[in-house]
Amino acid sequence: MILGRSERGKPPVEPVTLKILVAGGFGVGKTTLVGAVSEIRPLRTEELLTEAGRPVDDTSGVEAKNTTTVAMDFGRITLREDLVLYLFGTPGQERFWFMWDELSEGALGAVVLVDTRRLEDCFAAIDYFERRSIPFLVGVNCFEGAARYPVDDIRQALDLDDHVPLLMCDARDRESVKEVLVGVVQHAMAQAAQHRQTVTT
């Protein structure tokens, strides 16, 4: 066998690596989503919630949550032999938002994870990506016991532009999360192609 070639005689594939952000409100399931699909042990920067943080961390609706991401979550998934995604989960609380600019540097796109019981918690993430023209997809994390709403009603409540994809998902389920990630890559690629076409015409 020729050194550096596969057994089938084909040169080894150098995969394209893409950076995807996973954003949303506090306790919406970002850490769970990254962990559900990562093929490496996810890097997590979770700390226990403390009494000192209670005045600034709104745990209503997620009272059982006792940890929070203070920097980022990091994971990796190979979607195809030639395509690898690096996932960066952003911290949800407002006091850590200063890190978003650094985390978003070089990102192809983002997933804004939403809990229908606390829709207002995702508005800041949606505004952030809209202002910076970073393509994003909204993933509605279907928590057990949460009411189910029609997609059009959720779109209207979030005041989403028509071109922004919205998918229902389960952040615990690998296949469900993969669908969301494929969706955001496709959306970001389509946006990039449309931008190139606009520039050249």
Protein backbone atom coordinates (compact mmCIF):
# COMPACT_ATOMS: atom_id res chain seq x y z
CA MET A 1 0.00 0.00 0.00
CA ILE A 2 1.26 3.46 -0.89
CA LEU A 3 1.95 5.50 2.21
CA GLY A 4 -0.72 8.11 2.92
CA ARG A 5 -3.39 6.41 0.78
CA SER A 6 -6.38 4.37 1.84
CA GLU A 7 -6.66 0.65 1.14
CA ARG A 8 -8.92 1.37 -1.83
CA GLY A 9 -6.19 3.41 -3.46
CA LYS A 10 -7.91 6.74 -2.91
CA PRO A 11 -6.07 9.64 -1.29
CA PRO A 12 -7.18 10.33 2.28
CA VAL A 13 -9.97 12.85 2.53
CA GLU A 14 -9.13 16.16 4.21
CA PRO A 15 -12.43 17.10 5.82
CA VAL A 16 -13.90 20.57 5.76
CA THR A 17 -14.33 21.80 9.33
CA LEU A 18 -17.15 24.19 10.19
CA LYS A 19 -17.92 26.05 13.40
CA ILE A 20 -21.50 26.08 14.66
CA LEU A 21 -22.73 27.95 17.72
CA VAL A 22 -25.47 26.60 19.99
CA ALA A 23 -27.18 29.50 21.76
CA GLY A 24 -30.33 30.21 23.71
CA GLY A 25 -31.60 31.05 27.16
CA PHE A 26 -30.56 29.69 30.52
CA GLY A 27 -31.55 26.04 31.02
CA VAL A 28 -32.85 25.50 27.47
CA GLY A 29 -30.74 22.39 26.79
CA LYS A 30 -27.60 23.63 25.04
CA THR A 31 -25.20 21.44 27.03
CA THR A 32 -27.51 18.45 26.52
CA LEU A 33 -27.64 19.04 22.76
CA VAL A 34 -23.86 19.21 22.37
CA GLY A 35 -23.43 16.09 24.51
CA ALA A 36 -26.06 14.15 22.56
CA VAL A 37 -24.12 14.22 19.28
CA SER A 38 -20.47 14.80 20.18
CA GLU A 39 -18.20 11.93 19.11
CA ILE A 40 -15.60 13.11 21.59
CA ARG A 41 -16.10 13.63 25.28
CA PRO A 42 -17.61 17.12 25.37
CA LEU A 43 -15.69 19.88 27.06
CA ARG A 44 -17.99 21.42 29.62
CA THR A 45 -17.46 24.45 31.83
CA GLU A 46 -20.38 23.94 34.19
CA GLU A 47 -20.41 25.21 37.74
CA LEU A 48 -22.90 24.69 40.53
CA LEU A 49 -25.49 27.38 40.96
CA THR A 50 -25.01 29.19 44.24
CA GLU A 51 -27.13 31.30 46.53
CA ALA A 52 -25.09 34.33 45.43
CA GLY A 53 -26.25 33.82 41.85
CA ARG A 54 -29.95 33.47 42.62
CA PRO A 55 -30.74 37.19 42.27
CA VAL A 56 -29.35 37.18 38.69
CA ASP A 57 -30.12 33.62 37.49
CA ASP A 58 -33.82 33.20 36.79
CA THR A 59 -34.54 29.51 37.41
CA SER A 60 -38.31 29.76 37.08
CA GLY A 61 -39.42 26.92 34.84
CA VAL A 62 -36.15 25.04 35.37
CA GLU A 63 -36.15 24.78 39.15
CA ALA A 64 -34.39 21.39 39.09
CA LYS A 65 -31.36 22.83 37.30
CA ASN A 66 -28.38 23.09 39.66
CA THR A 67 -25.48 23.81 37.28
CA THR A 68 -24.77 26.43 34.64
CA THR A 69 -22.31 26.89 31.77
CA VAL A 70 -19.88 29.70 32.64
CA ALA A 71 -17.68 29.68 29.51
CA MET A 72 -18.74 27.27 26.77
CA ASP A 73 -19.52 23.70 25.81
CA PHE A 74 -17.44 22.16 23.05
CA GLY A 75 -18.08 19.05 20.97
CA ARG A 76 -17.37 17.58 17.56
CA ILE A 77 -19.42 15.55 15.11
CA THR A 78 -18.48 14.10 11.71
CA LEU A 79 -21.52 14.46 9.46
CA ARG A 80 -19.77 12.95 6.45
CA GLU A 81 -16.26 11.71 5.70
CA ASP A 82 -15.48 15.16 4.33
CA LEU A 83 -17.46 17.33 6.77
CA VAL A 84 -16.79 17.88 10.47
CA LEU A 85 -18.69 20.28 12.71
CA TYR A 86 -17.20 21.87 15.80
CA LEU A 87 -19.97 22.81 18.20
CA PHE A 88 -19.64 25.69 20.64
CA GLY A 89 -22.39 26.06 23.24
CA THR A 90 -22.68 29.61 24.52
CA PRO A 91 -23.44 30.53 28.14
CA GLY A 92 -27.06 31.52 28.62
CA GLN A 93 -26.98 34.10 31.38
CA GLU A 94 -26.71 37.77 30.56
CA ARG A 95 -23.63 38.29 32.70
CA PHE A 96 -21.64 35.95 30.40
CA TRP A 97 -22.78 37.48 27.09
CA PHE A 98 -19.46 39.34 26.72
CA MET A 99 -18.01 35.99 25.57
CA TRP A 100 -20.38 35.66 22.60
CA ASP A 101 -18.35 37.95 20.29
CA GLU A 102 -15.26 35.80 20.70
CA LEU A 103 -17.16 32.53 20.36
CA SER A 104 -18.97 33.71 17.21
CA GLU A 105 -15.72 34.60 15.41
CA GLY A 106 -15.51 32.45 12.28
CA ALA A 107 -18.82 30.66 12.85
CA LEU A 108 -20.68 29.41 9.77
CA GLY A 109 -24.02 29.61 11.56
CA ALA A 110 -25.89 29.05 14.78
CA VAL A 111 -28.67 27.07 16.39
CA VAL A 112 -30.92 29.08 18.71
CA LEU A 113 -32.48 26.56 21.07
CA VAL A 114 -35.92 27.49 22.38
CA ASP A 115 -38.15 26.34 25.24
CA THR A 116 -41.79 27.26 24.52
CA ARG A 117 -42.38 27.76 28.27
CA ARG A 118 -39.79 30.57 28.28
CA LEU A 119 -39.79 32.03 24.78
CA GLU A 120 -38.62 35.43 25.95
CA ASP A 121 -35.28 33.90 27.02
CA CYS A 122 -34.23 33.35 23.40
CA PHE A 123 -34.97 36.85 22.09
CA ALA A 124 -31.47 38.10 22.94
CA ALA A 125 -29.84 35.28 20.95
CA ILE A 126 -32.08 35.86 17.93
CA ASP A 127 -31.36 39.61 18.03
CA TYR A 128 -27.61 38.92 18.34
CA PHE A 129 -27.40 36.79 15.20
CA GLU A 130 -29.76 39.01 13.22
CA ARG A 131 -27.68 42.12 13.99
CA ARG A 132 -24.47 40.39 12.94
CA SER A 133 -25.98 38.70 9.85
CA ILE A 134 -24.95 35.26 11.12
CA PRO A 135 -27.29 32.61 9.61
CA PHE A 136 -29.25 30.79 12.28
CA LEU A 137 -31.91 28.15 12.71
CA VAL A 138 -34.38 27.93 15.59
CA GLY A 139 -34.65 24.54 17.25
CA VAL A 140 -37.66 24.13 19.54
CA ASN A 141 -36.59 21.75 22.30
CA CYS A 142 -39.67 19.64 23.08
CA PHE A 143 -39.49 19.21 26.84
CA GLU A 144 -41.66 16.56 28.48
CA GLY A 145 -44.80 18.13 29.89
CA ALA A 146 -44.45 21.32 27.86
CA ALA A 147 -47.41 22.35 25.71
CA ARG A 148 -47.06 21.75 21.97
CA TYR A 149 -47.84 24.64 19.63
CA PRO A 150 -48.16 24.84 15.83
CA VAL A 151 -44.94 25.89 14.10
CA ASP A 152 -46.60 28.96 12.60
CA ASP A 153 -47.69 30.14 16.05
CA ILE A 154 -44.14 29.80 17.38
CA ARG A 155 -42.72 31.64 14.36
CA GLN A 156 -45.16 34.47 14.94
CA ALA A 157 -44.41 34.64 18.67
CA LEU A 158 -40.68 34.87 17.91
CA ASP A 159 -41.26 37.35 15.06
CA LEU A 160 -38.99 35.28 12.80
CA ASP A 161 -38.24 36.29 9.22
CA ASP A 162 -39.71 33.87 6.68
CA HIS A 163 -36.29 32.61 5.56
CA VAL A 164 -35.24 31.48 9.08
CA PRO A 165 -35.78 27.71 9.47
CA LEU A 166 -37.62 26.43 12.55
CA LEU A 167 -37.46 22.76 13.55
CA MET A 168 -38.93 20.80 16.44
CA CYS A 169 -36.30 18.68 18.18
CA ASP A 170 -35.32 16.70 21.25
CA ALA A 171 -31.93 17.88 22.53
CA ARG A 172 -31.39 14.45 24.17
CA ASP A 173 -31.79 12.50 20.93
CA ARG A 174 -28.76 12.13 18.63
CA GLU A 175 -30.71 11.74 15.39
CA SER A 176 -32.99 14.67 16.20
CA VAL A 177 -30.00 16.89 16.92
CA LYS A 178 -28.24 15.75 13.73
CA GLU A 179 -31.28 16.90 11.72
CA VAL A 180 -31.01 20.33 13.32
CA LEU A 181 -27.28 20.55 12.57
CA VAL A 182 -27.72 19.46 8.96
CA GLY A 183 -30.49 22.07 8.69
CA VAL A 184 -28.32 24.93 9.93
CA VAL A 185 -25.43 23.97 7.61
CA GLN A 186 -27.78 23.83 4.61
CA HIS A 187 -29.35 27.17 5.58
CA ALA A 188 -25.98 28.86 6.06
CA MET A 189 -24.68 27.53 2.73
CA ALA A 190 -27.81 28.74 0.95
CA GLN A 191 -27.45 32.19 2.54
CA ALA A 192 -23.79 32.36 1.49
CA ALA A 193 -24.66 31.37 -2.10
CA GLN A 194 -27.43 33.98 -2.21
CA HIS A 195 -25.03 36.63 -0.91
CA ARG A 196 -22.43 35.74 -3.57
CA GLN A 197 -25.08 35.94 -6.27
CA THR A 198 -26.19 39.36 -5.02
CA VAL A 199 -22.61 40.65 -5.00
CA THR A 200 -21.85 39.47 -8.54
CA THR A 201 -25.05 40.85 -10.10
